[in-house]
Amino acid sequence: MAKPKLSFYDVKTKKKFEADEYRVVEKKGRFFAVAKSKSGPHECWRVLSKDQAAEIKKAA
C-alpha cells in the first residue's frame, strides 16, 4: 500500500504542491510530514494528527 498524497505549502515561494514522497517526524509529541520543496533545496513541513501519522506509518 502506497503513501497517500499530501498537500504542502511552500512558505518561501508561497505556492502549494502535492507530494507522495515524504517522511513522518515526531517532535515533542506532535507529528509532521516533511517533504523536499519542488522549487529549491529547503524542506516543507505539514502538521499531522496522531491518527493520520499512525495510518501513514502503517501504510509504509
N, C-alpha and C. Protein backbone atom coordinates (compact mmCIF):
# COMPACT_ATOMS: atom_id res chain seq x y z
N MET A 1 0.84 -1.17 0.00
CA MET A 1 0.00 0.00 0.00
C MET A 1 0.89 1.25 0.00
N ALA A 2 0.66 2.16 -0.93
CA ALA A 2 1.48 3.36 -1.06
C ALA A 2 1.00 4.46 -0.13
N LYS A 3 1.90 5.38 0.15
CA LYS A 3 1.54 6.52 0.98
C LYS A 3 0.55 7.40 0.24
N PRO A 4 -0.40 8.00 0.94
CA PRO A 4 -1.33 8.92 0.27
C PRO A 4 -0.62 10.23 -0.09
N LYS A 5 -1.10 10.90 -1.13
CA LYS A 5 -0.56 12.20 -1.50
C LYS A 5 -1.03 13.22 -0.48
N LEU A 6 -0.12 14.07 -0.07
CA LEU A 6 -0.45 15.15 0.86
C LEU A 6 -0.17 16.49 0.21
N SER A 7 -0.92 17.48 0.59
CA SER A 7 -0.73 18.83 0.09
C SER A 7 0.19 19.58 1.06
N PHE A 8 1.20 20.24 0.52
CA PHE A 8 2.14 21.02 1.31
C PHE A 8 2.11 22.46 0.82
N TYR A 9 2.50 23.39 1.69
CA TYR A 9 2.59 24.80 1.32
C TYR A 9 4.03 25.24 1.50
N ASP A 10 4.62 25.73 0.41
CA ASP A 10 6.00 26.22 0.43
C ASP A 10 5.98 27.69 0.82
N VAL A 11 6.46 28.00 2.01
CA VAL A 11 6.41 29.36 2.53
C VAL A 11 7.32 30.29 1.74
N LYS A 12 8.46 29.80 1.29
CA LYS A 12 9.41 30.65 0.57
C LYS A 12 8.88 31.09 -0.79
N THR A 13 8.24 30.18 -1.52
CA THR A 13 7.72 30.54 -2.85
C THR A 13 6.24 30.88 -2.81
N LYS A 14 5.60 30.67 -1.66
CA LYS A 14 4.17 30.96 -1.46
C LYS A 14 3.29 30.19 -2.44
N LYS A 15 3.62 28.91 -2.63
CA LYS A 15 2.85 28.06 -3.53
C LYS A 15 2.56 26.72 -2.86
N LYS A 16 1.44 26.12 -3.25
CA LYS A 16 1.07 24.79 -2.77
C LYS A 16 1.60 23.75 -3.76
N PHE A 17 1.87 22.55 -3.24
CA PHE A 17 2.22 21.43 -4.09
C PHE A 17 1.82 20.14 -3.40
N GLU A 18 1.67 19.10 -4.17
CA GLU A 18 1.34 17.78 -3.62
C GLU A 18 2.56 16.88 -3.74
N ALA A 19 2.72 16.02 -2.74
CA ALA A 19 3.85 15.11 -2.75
C ALA A 19 3.44 13.77 -2.15
N ASP A 20 4.01 12.70 -2.69
CA ASP A 20 3.79 11.38 -2.11
C ASP A 20 5.10 10.82 -1.57
N GLU A 21 6.18 11.60 -1.70
CA GLU A 21 7.47 11.23 -1.11
C GLU A 21 7.75 12.18 0.05
N TYR A 22 7.55 11.68 1.24
CA TYR A 22 7.77 12.47 2.45
C TYR A 22 8.05 11.51 3.59
N ARG A 23 8.49 12.07 4.70
CA ARG A 23 8.73 11.25 5.88
C ARG A 23 7.91 11.81 7.04
N VAL A 24 7.60 10.97 7.99
CA VAL A 24 6.84 11.37 9.17
C VAL A 24 7.82 11.55 10.33
N VAL A 25 7.76 12.72 10.96
CA VAL A 25 8.66 13.06 12.05
C VAL A 25 7.83 13.39 13.28
N GLU A 26 8.30 12.94 14.45
CA GLU A 26 7.63 13.29 15.71
C GLU A 26 8.53 14.22 16.51
N LYS A 27 7.99 15.37 16.91
CA LYS A 27 8.72 16.33 17.73
C LYS A 27 7.83 16.76 18.88
N LYS A 28 8.29 16.51 20.08
CA LYS A 28 7.57 16.92 21.29
C LYS A 28 6.13 16.45 21.31
N GLY A 29 5.90 15.23 20.86
CA GLY A 29 4.56 14.65 20.89
C GLY A 29 3.67 15.03 19.73
N ARG A 30 4.16 15.84 18.80
CA ARG A 30 3.39 16.22 17.62
C ARG A 30 3.98 15.54 16.40
N PHE A 31 3.15 15.30 15.41
CA PHE A 31 3.58 14.61 14.19
C PHE A 31 3.56 15.57 13.01
N PHE A 32 4.59 15.43 12.16
CA PHE A 32 4.73 16.28 10.99
C PHE A 32 5.10 15.41 9.78
N ALA A 33 4.64 15.84 8.61
CA ALA A 33 5.09 15.25 7.36
C ALA A 33 6.10 16.23 6.77
N VAL A 34 7.24 15.74 6.33
CA VAL A 34 8.31 16.60 5.81
C VAL A 34 8.63 16.17 4.39
N ALA A 35 8.51 17.13 3.46
CA ALA A 35 8.80 16.85 2.05
C ALA A 35 9.81 17.87 1.54
N LYS A 36 10.58 17.47 0.54
CA LYS A 36 11.52 18.38 -0.09
C LYS A 36 10.73 19.30 -1.02
N SER A 37 11.06 20.56 -1.02
CA SER A 37 10.38 21.54 -1.86
C SER A 37 10.61 21.23 -3.34
N LYS A 38 9.61 21.51 -4.16
CA LYS A 38 9.73 21.29 -5.60
C LYS A 38 10.61 22.36 -6.25
N SER A 39 10.77 23.52 -5.58
CA SER A 39 11.48 24.63 -6.21
C SER A 39 12.69 25.10 -5.42
N GLY A 40 13.36 24.19 -4.74
CA GLY A 40 14.56 24.59 -4.01
C GLY A 40 15.06 23.49 -3.11
N PRO A 41 16.15 23.76 -2.41
CA PRO A 41 16.76 22.73 -1.56
C PRO A 41 16.15 22.64 -0.16
N HIS A 42 15.19 23.50 0.16
CA HIS A 42 14.63 23.52 1.51
C HIS A 42 13.50 22.49 1.67
N GLU A 43 13.09 22.29 2.93
CA GLU A 43 12.04 21.32 3.24
C GLU A 43 10.76 22.05 3.62
N CYS A 44 9.63 21.41 3.39
CA CYS A 44 8.33 21.93 3.77
C CYS A 44 7.72 20.97 4.78
N TRP A 45 7.17 21.53 5.85
CA TRP A 45 6.60 20.73 6.93
C TRP A 45 5.09 20.91 6.97
N ARG A 46 4.38 19.84 7.29
CA ARG A 46 2.93 19.88 7.43
C ARG A 46 2.56 19.16 8.71
N VAL A 47 1.64 19.73 9.47
CA VAL A 47 1.19 19.14 10.73
C VAL A 47 0.24 17.99 10.43
N LEU A 48 0.42 16.87 11.14
CA LEU A 48 -0.45 15.71 11.01
C LEU A 48 -1.12 15.42 12.34
N SER A 49 -2.30 14.85 12.28
CA SER A 49 -2.93 14.38 13.51
C SER A 49 -2.28 13.05 13.90
N LYS A 50 -2.50 12.64 15.11
CA LYS A 50 -1.95 11.38 15.60
C LYS A 50 -2.48 10.21 14.77
N ASP A 51 -3.77 10.28 14.40
CA ASP A 51 -4.39 9.23 13.59
C ASP A 51 -3.81 9.17 12.19
N GLN A 52 -3.60 10.36 11.57
CA GLN A 52 -3.01 10.40 10.23
C GLN A 52 -1.62 9.80 10.24
N ALA A 53 -0.81 10.17 11.23
CA ALA A 53 0.57 9.66 11.32
C ALA A 53 0.57 8.15 11.48
N ALA A 54 -0.32 7.62 12.31
CA ALA A 54 -0.39 6.17 12.51
C ALA A 54 -0.80 5.47 11.22
N GLU A 55 -1.73 6.05 10.49
CA GLU A 55 -2.20 5.46 9.23
C GLU A 55 -1.09 5.45 8.18
N ILE A 56 -0.35 6.54 8.10
CA ILE A 56 0.74 6.62 7.12
C ILE A 56 1.87 5.66 7.47
N LYS A 57 2.23 5.58 8.74
CA LYS A 57 3.27 4.64 9.16
C LYS A 57 2.87 3.20 8.89
N LYS A 58 1.58 2.92 9.05
CA LYS A 58 1.07 1.57 8.79
C LYS A 58 1.12 1.23 7.31
N ALA A 59 0.87 2.23 6.45
CA ALA A 59 0.88 2.02 5.00
C ALA A 59 2.30 1.85 4.46
N ALA A 60 3.28 2.42 5.13
CA ALA A 60 4.66 2.37 4.64
C ALA A 60 5.34 1.07 4.91
